[in-house]
Amino acid sequence: MSQAITSEQFSKLEQGKTTCFFNESLISDFTAEMLSPSYWQRQDAVTGSAQGRGTTWFVAYKDNNNNQHDWVLRHYYRGGLIGKIIKDSYWFSGVESSRAACEFALLRHMKTLQLPAPEPVAYRVIRHKLTYQADLLSSRIQDAQDLVAVLSEKTLTDDVWQRIGATIKRFHHHGIYHHDLNSHNILLDDKEQVFLIDFDRGELRTNPVNTEWKQANMARLQRSFLKELNKLAQFYFTEKNWQALMSGYQGLN
């Protein structure tokens, strides 16, 4: 037996050990199955995929007015050494504290701030006794590539690098902590507009005195550029590019 609890345009759906939360204004005919790749495969609605810790699926959804929406479906996988042992299970301490619910809430908050990040569509948490598994459905940034893909093909102007830095500063200015800020999680669209993605384990940090996390974020990003530079045969990144990025970051008050 399922029960829907509506709050504004968002709804909660509970079916046994499965709990879902979704944006009714985007997906009025929601079912829990929509958080599974097999659902979209049966609908012949998979438009692509990408490999990371697991497979990220790109899917197309048509609403009741026949408008198409392009979304990203991601399953939560553990990283590091523990991820080799416990692939995708997390200790359960409540739905609202799950990885999916926290990222969904942060994406909702960023949307109210009009920050360039994906829009949350739905999430699913499946409880297994003391653990859970989770999935997230969010909007896809249209006609965009991550910086690693872009910089493997071409150089960027100082203006674009400065815009990347200024965009990151906007997030930091609003207290948005990105747990894994790296060159894969920054996108450029075909108009060279900048977006940040993948806010798993991200947080809202409102203490204006503590700025160490911002410095750590930027240091992590710089290391990721250097890592790709050492790994890839062709990767257009120099110290001058980093200085231009930091110029954009420091120029926004």
C-alpha atoms as a PDB file:
ATOM      1  CA  MET A   1       0.000   0.000   0.000  1.00  0.00           C
ATOM      2  CA  SER A   2       1.474   3.351  -0.990  1.00  0.00           C
ATOM      3  CA  GLN A   3       0.872   6.727   0.574  1.00  0.00           C
ATOM      4  CA  ALA A   4       1.651  10.099  -0.982  1.00  0.00           C
ATOM      5  CA  ILE A   5       2.271  13.092   1.278  1.00  0.00           C
ATOM      6  CA  THR A   6       2.248  16.352  -0.646  1.00  0.00           C
ATOM      7  CA  SER A   7       4.084  19.514   0.390  1.00  0.00           C
ATOM      8  CA  GLU A   8       3.922  22.343  -2.160  1.00  0.00           C
ATOM      9  CA  GLN A   9       4.930  20.797  -5.508  1.00  0.00           C
ATOM     10  CA  PHE A  10       6.951  17.991  -3.898  1.00  0.00           C
ATOM     11  CA  SER A  11       5.592  14.597  -2.875  1.00  0.00           C
ATOM     12  CA  LYS A  12       6.743  11.663  -0.794  1.00  0.00           C
ATOM     13  CA  LEU A  13       5.906   8.114  -1.882  1.00  0.00           C
ATOM     14  CA  GLU A  14       6.288   5.156   0.468  1.00  0.00           C
ATOM     15  CA  GLN A  15       6.042   1.553  -0.695  1.00  0.00           C
ATOM     16  CA  GLY A  16       7.201  -1.033   1.823  1.00  0.00           C
ATOM     17  CA  LYS A  17      10.906  -0.475   2.453  1.00  0.00           C
ATOM     18  CA  THR A  18      11.175   2.025  -0.407  1.00  0.00           C
ATOM     19  CA  THR A  19      10.805   5.774   0.122  1.00  0.00           C
ATOM     20  CA  CYS A  20      10.803   8.250  -2.758  1.00  0.00           C
ATOM     21  CA  PHE A  21      10.598  12.031  -2.941  1.00  0.00           C
ATOM     22  CA  PHE A  22       9.860  13.792  -6.215  1.00  0.00           C
ATOM     23  CA  ASN A  23       8.976  17.089  -7.873  1.00  0.00           C
ATOM     24  CA  GLU A  24       5.336  16.783  -8.932  1.00  0.00           C
ATOM     25  CA  SER A  25       5.559  19.757 -11.261  1.00  0.00           C
ATOM     26  CA  LEU A  26       8.199  17.910 -13.304  1.00  0.00           C
ATOM     27  CA  ILE A  27       7.001  14.322 -13.085  1.00  0.00           C
ATOM     28  CA  SER A  28       3.283  14.038 -12.308  1.00  0.00           C
ATOM     29  CA  ASP A  29       3.038  10.311 -13.228  1.00  0.00           C
ATOM     30  CA  PHE A  30       5.902   9.311 -10.939  1.00  0.00           C
ATOM     31  CA  THR A  31       6.538   5.702  -9.938  1.00  0.00           C
ATOM     32  CA  ALA A  32       9.408   4.308  -7.859  1.00  0.00           C
ATOM     33  CA  GLU A  33      10.536   2.303 -10.897  1.00  0.00           C
ATOM     34  CA  MET A  34      11.659   5.544 -12.546  1.00  0.00           C
ATOM     35  CA  LEU A  35      14.715   5.448 -10.294  1.00  0.00           C
ATOM     36  CA  SER A  36      15.858   2.229 -12.022  1.00  0.00           C
ATOM     37  CA  PRO A  37      17.740   2.078 -15.347  1.00  0.00           C
ATOM     38  CA  SER A  38      15.604  -0.893 -16.408  1.00  0.00           C
ATOM     39  CA  TYR A  39      12.473   1.291 -16.435  1.00  0.00           C
ATOM     40  CA  TRP A  40      13.976   3.717 -18.946  1.00  0.00           C
ATOM     41  CA  GLN A  41      15.452   0.875 -20.989  1.00  0.00           C
ATOM     42  CA  ARG A  42      11.984  -0.653 -21.317  1.00  0.00           C
ATOM     43  CA  GLN A  43      10.656   2.725 -22.461  1.00  0.00           C
ATOM     44  CA  ASP A  44      13.505   2.993 -24.993  1.00  0.00           C
ATOM     45  CA  ALA A  45      14.250   6.335 -23.320  1.00  0.00           C
ATOM     46  CA  VAL A  46      17.957   5.926 -22.514  1.00  0.00           C
ATOM     47  CA  THR A  47      19.871   8.566 -24.480  1.00  0.00           C
ATOM     48  CA  GLY A  48      23.391   7.786 -23.256  1.00  0.00           C
ATOM     49  CA  SER A  49      25.567   6.854 -20.313  1.00  0.00           C
ATOM     50  CA  ALA A  50      28.846   7.701 -18.619  1.00  0.00           C
ATOM     51  CA  GLN A  51      31.213   5.652 -16.516  1.00  0.00           C
ATOM     52  CA  GLY A  52      32.493   6.700 -13.091  1.00  0.00           C
ATOM     53  CA  ARG A  53      32.270   4.602  -9.935  1.00  0.00           C
ATOM     54  CA  GLY A  54      29.248   3.117 -11.662  1.00  0.00           C
ATOM     55  CA  THR A  55      27.162   3.858 -14.729  1.00  0.00           C
ATOM     56  CA  THR A  56      25.386   7.205 -14.907  1.00  0.00           C
ATOM     57  CA  TRP A  57      22.367   7.047 -17.209  1.00  0.00           C
ATOM     58  CA  PHE A  58      21.018   9.844 -19.390  1.00  0.00           C
ATOM     59  CA  VAL A  59      17.271   9.500 -19.974  1.00  0.00           C
ATOM     60  CA  ALA A  60      14.489  11.374 -21.777  1.00  0.00           C
ATOM     61  CA  TYR A  61      11.047  11.911 -20.242  1.00  0.00           C
ATOM     62  CA  LYS A  62       7.965  13.292 -21.995  1.00  0.00           C
ATOM     63  CA  ASP A  63       5.421  15.025 -19.777  1.00  0.00           C
ATOM     64  CA  ASN A  64       1.657  15.170 -20.300  1.00  0.00           C
ATOM     65  CA  ASN A  65       2.094  18.082 -22.711  1.00  0.00           C
ATOM     66  CA  ASN A  66       4.569  16.041 -24.770  1.00  0.00           C
ATOM     67  CA  ASN A  67       7.482  18.248 -23.687  1.00  0.00           C
ATOM     68  CA  GLN A  68      10.757  16.366 -23.423  1.00  0.00           C
ATOM     69  CA  HIS A  69      12.936  16.603 -20.313  1.00  0.00           C
ATOM     70  CA  ASP A  70      16.509  15.302 -20.274  1.00  0.00           C
ATOM     71  CA  TRP A  71      17.585  13.842 -16.957  1.00  0.00           C
ATOM     72  CA  VAL A  72      20.503  12.102 -15.269  1.00  0.00           C
ATOM     73  CA  LEU A  73      19.971   8.952 -13.205  1.00  0.00           C
ATOM     74  CA  ARG A  74      22.722   8.131 -10.735  1.00  0.00           C
ATOM     75  CA  HIS A  75      23.072   5.294  -8.236  1.00  0.00           C
ATOM     76  CA  TYR A  76      25.104   6.019  -5.107  1.00  0.00           C
ATOM     77  CA  TYR A  77      28.348   4.066  -4.898  1.00  0.00           C
ATOM     78  CA  ARG A  78      31.020   4.175  -2.236  1.00  0.00           C
ATOM     79  CA  GLY A  79      34.502   5.369  -3.116  1.00  0.00           C
ATOM     80  CA  GLY A  80      37.936   4.506  -1.795  1.00  0.00           C
ATOM     81  CA  LEU A  81      39.022   1.176  -0.349  1.00  0.00           C
ATOM     82  CA  ILE A  82      35.738   0.558   1.454  1.00  0.00           C
ATOM     83  CA  GLY A  83      33.948   0.827  -1.890  1.00  0.00           C
ATOM     84  CA  LYS A  84      35.750  -2.301  -3.056  1.00  0.00           C
ATOM     85  CA  ILE A  85      34.177  -4.231  -0.166  1.00  0.00           C
ATOM     86  CA  ILE A  86      30.837  -2.498   0.411  1.00  0.00           C
ATOM     87  CA  LYS A  87      29.904  -1.350  -3.076  1.00  0.00           C
ATOM     88  CA  ASP A  88      26.704   0.641  -2.638  1.00  0.00           C
ATOM     89  CA  SER A  89      25.314   0.151   0.880  1.00  0.00           C
ATOM     90  CA  TYR A  90      25.264   2.777   3.633  1.00  0.00           C
ATOM     91  CA  TRP A  91      24.287   2.624   7.310  1.00  0.00           C
ATOM     92  CA  PHE A  92      20.664   3.683   7.711  1.00  0.00           C
ATOM     93  CA  SER A  93      19.923   6.432  10.227  1.00  0.00           C
ATOM     94  CA  GLY A  94      16.775   7.829   8.646  1.00  0.00           C
ATOM     95  CA  VAL A  95      15.647   8.733   5.133  1.00  0.00           C
ATOM     96  CA  GLU A  96      16.237  12.462   5.600  1.00  0.00           C
ATOM     97  CA  SER A  97      19.902  11.881   6.490  1.00  0.00           C
ATOM     98  CA  SER A  98      20.535   9.591   3.486  1.00  0.00           C
ATOM     99  CA  ARG A  99      22.999  10.649   0.810  1.00  0.00           C
ATOM    100  CA  ALA A 100      20.194  11.051  -1.736  1.00  0.00           C
ATOM    101  CA  ALA A 101      17.918  13.144   0.496  1.00  0.00           C
ATOM    102  CA  CYS A 102      20.766  15.449   1.522  1.00  0.00           C
ATOM    103  CA  GLU A 103      21.917  16.052  -2.052  1.00  0.00           C
ATOM    104  CA  PHE A 104      18.324  16.584  -3.199  1.00  0.00           C
ATOM    105  CA  ALA A 105      17.759  19.180  -0.459  1.00  0.00           C
ATOM    106  CA  LEU A 106      20.997  20.976  -1.315  1.00  0.00           C
ATOM    107  CA  LEU A 107      20.073  21.088  -5.017  1.00  0.00           C
ATOM    108  CA  ARG A 108      16.673  22.528  -4.084  1.00  0.00           C
ATOM    109  CA  HIS A 109      18.364  25.228  -2.026  1.00  0.00           C
ATOM    110  CA  MET A 110      20.785  26.074  -4.829  1.00  0.00           C
ATOM    111  CA  LYS A 111      17.893  26.410  -7.247  1.00  0.00           C
ATOM    112  CA  THR A 112      16.327  29.077  -5.004  1.00  0.00           C
ATOM    113  CA  LEU A 113      19.670  30.910  -5.195  1.00  0.00           C
ATOM    114  CA  GLN A 114      19.684  30.556  -9.009  1.00  0.00           C
ATOM    115  CA  LEU A 115      23.083  28.883  -8.950  1.00  0.00           C
ATOM    116  CA  PRO A 116      24.173  27.019 -12.114  1.00  0.00           C
ATOM    117  CA  ALA A 117      23.651  23.437 -10.948  1.00  0.00           C
ATOM    118  CA  PRO A 118      21.282  20.572 -11.857  1.00  0.00           C
ATOM    119  CA  GLU A 119      17.642  20.750 -10.797  1.00  0.00           C
ATOM    120  CA  PRO A 120      16.498  17.899  -8.512  1.00  0.00           C
ATOM    121  CA  VAL A 121      13.756  15.674  -9.907  1.00  0.00           C
ATOM    122  CA  ALA A 122      13.437  12.663  -7.587  1.00  0.00           C
ATOM    123  CA  TYR A 123      15.293  10.348  -5.237  1.00  0.00           C
ATOM    124  CA  ARG A 124      14.773   6.844  -3.907  1.00  0.00           C
ATOM    125  CA  VAL A 125      15.975   5.184  -0.714  1.00  0.00           C
ATOM    126  CA  ILE A 126      15.609   1.397  -0.289  1.00  0.00           C
ATOM    127  CA  ARG A 127      16.146   0.130   3.249  1.00  0.00           C
ATOM    128  CA  HIS A 128      17.708  -3.290   3.946  1.00  0.00           C
ATOM    129  CA  LYS A 129      17.536  -3.825   7.723  1.00  0.00           C
ATOM    130  CA  LEU A 130      20.440  -1.683   8.991  1.00  0.00           C
ATOM    131  CA  THR A 131      21.593  -0.367   5.600  1.00  0.00           C
ATOM    132  CA  TYR A 132      20.150   1.361   2.546  1.00  0.00           C
ATOM    133  CA  GLN A 133      20.791   1.937  -1.140  1.00  0.00           C
ATOM    134  CA  ALA A 134      19.885   5.129  -2.974  1.00  0.00           C
ATOM    135  CA  ASP A 135      19.369   6.718  -6.377  1.00  0.00           C
ATOM    136  CA  LEU A 136      18.970  10.295  -7.620  1.00  0.00           C
ATOM    137  CA  LEU A 137      17.279  11.723 -10.704  1.00  0.00           C
ATOM    138  CA  SER A 138      18.256  15.280 -11.688  1.00  0.00           C
ATOM    139  CA  SER A 139      18.200  17.522 -14.742  1.00  0.00           C
ATOM    140  CA  ARG A 140      20.892  17.187 -17.376  1.00  0.00           C
ATOM    141  CA  ILE A 141      22.924  20.248 -18.364  1.00  0.00           C
ATOM    142  CA  GLN A 142      22.270  20.559 -22.077  1.00  0.00           C
ATOM    143  CA  ASP A 143      25.083  20.541 -24.666  1.00  0.00           C
ATOM    144  CA  ALA A 144      27.773  20.414 -21.992  1.00  0.00           C
ATOM    145  CA  GLN A 145      31.067  18.600 -21.398  1.00  0.00           C
ATOM    146  CA  ASP A 146      33.188  18.332 -18.301  1.00  0.00           C
ATOM    147  CA  LEU A 147      36.454  20.257 -18.207  1.00  0.00           C
ATOM    148  CA  VAL A 148      38.571  17.144 -18.652  1.00  0.00           C
ATOM    149  CA  ALA A 149      36.858  16.393 -21.955  1.00  0.00           C
ATOM    150  CA  VAL A 150      37.056  20.030 -23.058  1.00  0.00           C
ATOM    151  CA  LEU A 151      40.722  20.501 -22.126  1.00  0.00           C
ATOM    152  CA  SER A 152      41.653  17.266 -23.858  1.00  0.00           C
ATOM    153  CA  GLU A 153      40.596  18.919 -27.118  1.00  0.00           C
ATOM    154  CA  LYS A 154      41.351  22.643 -26.875  1.00  0.00           C
ATOM    155  CA  THR A 155      42.660  25.558 -24.844  1.00  0.00           C
ATOM    156  CA  LEU A 156      40.380  28.014 -23.064  1.00  0.00           C
ATOM    157  CA  THR A 157      40.701  31.781 -23.057  1.00  0.00           C
ATOM    158  CA  ASP A 158      41.535  33.730 -19.915  1.00  0.00           C
ATOM    159  CA  ASP A 159      37.967  35.018 -19.916  1.00  0.00           C
ATOM    160  CA  VAL A 160      36.563  31.493 -19.637  1.00  0.00           C
ATOM    161  CA  TRP A 161      39.037  30.559 -16.895  1.00  0.00           C
ATOM    162  CA  GLN A 162      38.050  33.684 -14.968  1.00  0.00           C
ATOM    163  CA  ARG A 163      34.375  32.778 -15.371  1.00  0.00           C
ATOM    164  CA  ILE A 164      35.090  29.320 -13.956  1.00  0.00           C
ATOM    165  CA  GLY A 165      36.698  30.908 -10.906  1.00  0.00           C
ATOM    166  CA  ALA A 166      33.896  33.462 -10.489  1.00  0.00           C
ATOM    167  CA  THR A 167      31.271  30.709 -10.711  1.00  0.00           C
ATOM    168  CA  ILE A 168      32.937  28.671  -7.965  1.00  0.00           C
ATOM    169  CA  LYS A 169      33.125  31.807  -5.834  1.00  0.00           C
ATOM    170  CA  ARG A 170      29.355  32.295  -6.219  1.00  0.00           C
ATOM    171  CA  PHE A 171      28.770  28.888  -4.673  1.00  0.00           C
ATOM    172  CA  HIS A 172      31.274  29.577  -1.892  1.00  0.00           C
ATOM    173  CA  HIS A 173      29.738  32.998  -1.255  1.00  0.00           C
ATOM    174  CA  HIS A 174      26.435  31.259  -0.492  1.00  0.00           C
ATOM    175  CA  GLY A 175      28.125  28.712   1.769  1.00  0.00           C
ATOM    176  CA  ILE A 176      27.879  25.799  -0.681  1.00  0.00           C
ATOM    177  CA  TYR A 177      30.571  23.234   0.086  1.00  0.00           C
ATOM    178  CA  HIS A 178      31.329  20.822  -2.769  1.00  0.00           C
ATOM    179  CA  HIS A 179      32.860  17.684  -1.255  1.00  0.00           C
ATOM    180  CA  ASP A 180      34.550  16.588  -4.492  1.00  0.00           C
ATOM    181  CA  LEU A 181      35.315  19.735  -6.471  1.00  0.00           C
ATOM    182  CA  ASN A 182      37.409  18.503  -9.383  1.00  0.00           C
ATOM    183  CA  SER A 183      37.807  19.031 -13.113  1.00  0.00           C
ATOM    184  CA  HIS A 184      35.228  16.320 -13.906  1.00  0.00           C
ATOM    185  CA  ASN A 185      32.519  18.070 -11.887  1.00  0.00           C
ATOM    186  CA  ILE A 186      32.758  21.400 -13.707  1.00  0.00           C
ATOM    187  CA  LEU A 187      30.875  21.603 -16.999  1.00  0.00           C
ATOM    188  CA  LEU A 188      31.012  24.015 -19.926  1.00  0.00           C
ATOM    189  CA  ASP A 189      28.079  24.173 -22.319  1.00  0.00           C
ATOM    190  CA  ASP A 190      28.305  25.100 -25.992  1.00  0.00           C
ATOM    191  CA  LYS A 191      28.076  28.806 -25.032  1.00  0.00           C
ATOM    192  CA  GLU A 192      30.940  28.315 -22.541  1.00  0.00           C
ATOM    193  CA  GLN A 193      28.662  28.880 -19.566  1.00  0.00           C
ATOM    194  CA  VAL A 194      29.900  27.213 -16.364  1.00  0.00           C
ATOM    195  CA  PHE A 195      28.019  24.689 -14.205  1.00  0.00           C
ATOM    196  CA  LEU A 196      28.906  22.578 -11.168  1.00  0.00           C
ATOM    197  CA  ILE A 197      27.531  19.039 -10.761  1.00  0.00           C
ATOM    198  CA  ASP A 198      27.664  16.068  -8.359  1.00  0.00           C
ATOM    199  CA  PHE A 199      26.978  17.471  -4.894  1.00  0.00           C
ATOM    200  CA  ASP A 200      27.038  14.116  -3.088  1.00  0.00           C
ATOM    201  CA  ARG A 201      28.188  14.817   0.501  1.00  0.00           C
ATOM    202  CA  GLY A 202      27.983  18.540  -0.180  1.00  0.00           C
ATOM    203  CA  GLU A 203      26.855  20.843   2.618  1.00  0.00           C
ATOM    204  CA  LEU A 204      25.515  24.277   3.374  1.00  0.00           C
ATOM    205  CA  ARG A 205      28.067  26.042   5.591  1.00  0.00           C
ATOM    206  CA  THR A 206      26.914  29.353   7.017  1.00  0.00           C
ATOM    207  CA  ASN A 207      29.740  30.198   9.443  1.00  0.00           C
ATOM    208  CA  PRO A 208      31.349  33.314   7.863  1.00  0.00           C
ATOM    209  CA  VAL A 209      34.470  33.037  10.038  1.00  0.00           C
ATOM    210  CA  ASN A 210      35.512  29.585   8.840  1.00  0.00           C
ATOM    211  CA  THR A 211      36.978  29.899   5.341  1.00  0.00           C
ATOM    212  CA  GLU A 212      39.431  26.994   5.499  1.00  0.00           C
ATOM    213  CA  TRP A 213      37.012  24.733   3.657  1.00  0.00           C
ATOM    214  CA  LYS A 214      36.982  27.140   0.714  1.00  0.00           C
ATOM    215  CA  GLN A 215      40.766  27.070   0.494  1.00  0.00           C
ATOM    216  CA  ALA A 216      40.697  23.265   0.736  1.00  0.00           C
ATOM    217  CA  ASN A 217      38.116  23.136  -2.075  1.00  0.00           C
ATOM    218  CA  MET A 218      40.365  25.193  -4.357  1.00  0.00           C
ATOM    219  CA  ALA A 219      43.466  23.178  -3.467  1.00  0.00           C
ATOM    220  CA  ARG A 220      41.589  19.973  -4.308  1.00  0.00           C
ATOM    221  CA  LEU A 221      40.544  21.431  -7.649  1.00  0.00           C
ATOM    222  CA  GLN A 222      44.113  22.437  -8.498  1.00  0.00           C
ATOM    223  CA  ARG A 223      45.363  18.924  -7.653  1.00  0.00           C
ATOM    224  CA  SER A 224      42.752  17.435  -9.966  1.00  0.00           C
ATOM    225  CA  PHE A 225      43.997  19.564 -12.891  1.00  0.00           C
ATOM    226  CA  LEU A 226      47.585  18.499 -12.217  1.00  0.00           C
ATOM    227  CA  LYS A 227      46.520  14.862 -11.956  1.00  0.00           C
ATOM    228  CA  GLU A 228      44.887  14.970 -15.405  1.00  0.00           C
ATOM    229  CA  LEU A 229      47.879  16.847 -16.804  1.00  0.00           C
ATOM    230  CA  ASN A 230      50.201  14.048 -15.674  1.00  0.00           C
ATOM    231  CA  LYS A 231      47.832  11.286 -16.773  1.00  0.00           C
ATOM    232  CA  LEU A 232      46.632  12.367 -20.205  1.00  0.00           C
ATOM    233  CA  ALA A 233      48.756  12.588 -23.349  1.00  0.00           C
ATOM    234  CA  GLN A 234      47.012  15.842 -24.295  1.00  0.00           C
ATOM    235  CA  PHE A 235      45.556  18.180 -21.688  1.00  0.00           C
ATOM    236  CA  TYR A 236      45.594  21.947 -22.134  1.00  0.00           C
ATOM    237  CA  PHE A 237      46.256  23.296 -18.651  1.00  0.00           C
ATOM    238  CA  THR A 238      49.057  25.552 -17.438  1.00  0.00           C
ATOM    239  CA  GLU A 239      49.947  27.571 -14.357  1.00  0.00           C
ATOM    240  CA  LYS A 240      48.800  30.654 -16.270  1.00  0.00           C
ATOM    241  CA  ASN A 241      45.355  29.085 -16.636  1.00  0.00           C
ATOM    242  CA  TRP A 242      45.182  28.461 -12.895  1.00  0.00           C
ATOM    243  CA  GLN A 243      46.145  32.054 -12.169  1.00  0.00           C
ATOM    244  CA  ALA A 244      43.356  33.247 -14.472  1.00  0.00           C
ATOM    245  CA  LEU A 245      40.877  30.991 -12.660  1.00  0.00           C
ATOM    246  CA  MET A 246      42.021  32.356  -9.290  1.00  0.00           C
ATOM    247  CA  SER A 247      41.772  35.900 -10.629  1.00  0.00           C
ATOM    248  CA  GLY A 248      38.110  35.262 -11.376  1.00  0.00           C
ATOM    249  CA  TYR A 249      37.614  33.627  -7.987  1.00  0.00           C
ATOM    250  CA  GLN A 250      39.204  36.474  -6.045  1.00  0.00           C
ATOM    251  CA  GLY A 251      37.523  39.192  -8.100  1.00  0.00           C
ATOM    252  CA  LEU A 252      34.008  38.442  -6.848  1.00  0.00           C
ATOM    253  CA  ASN A 253      33.224  40.011  -3.477  1.00  0.00           C
END
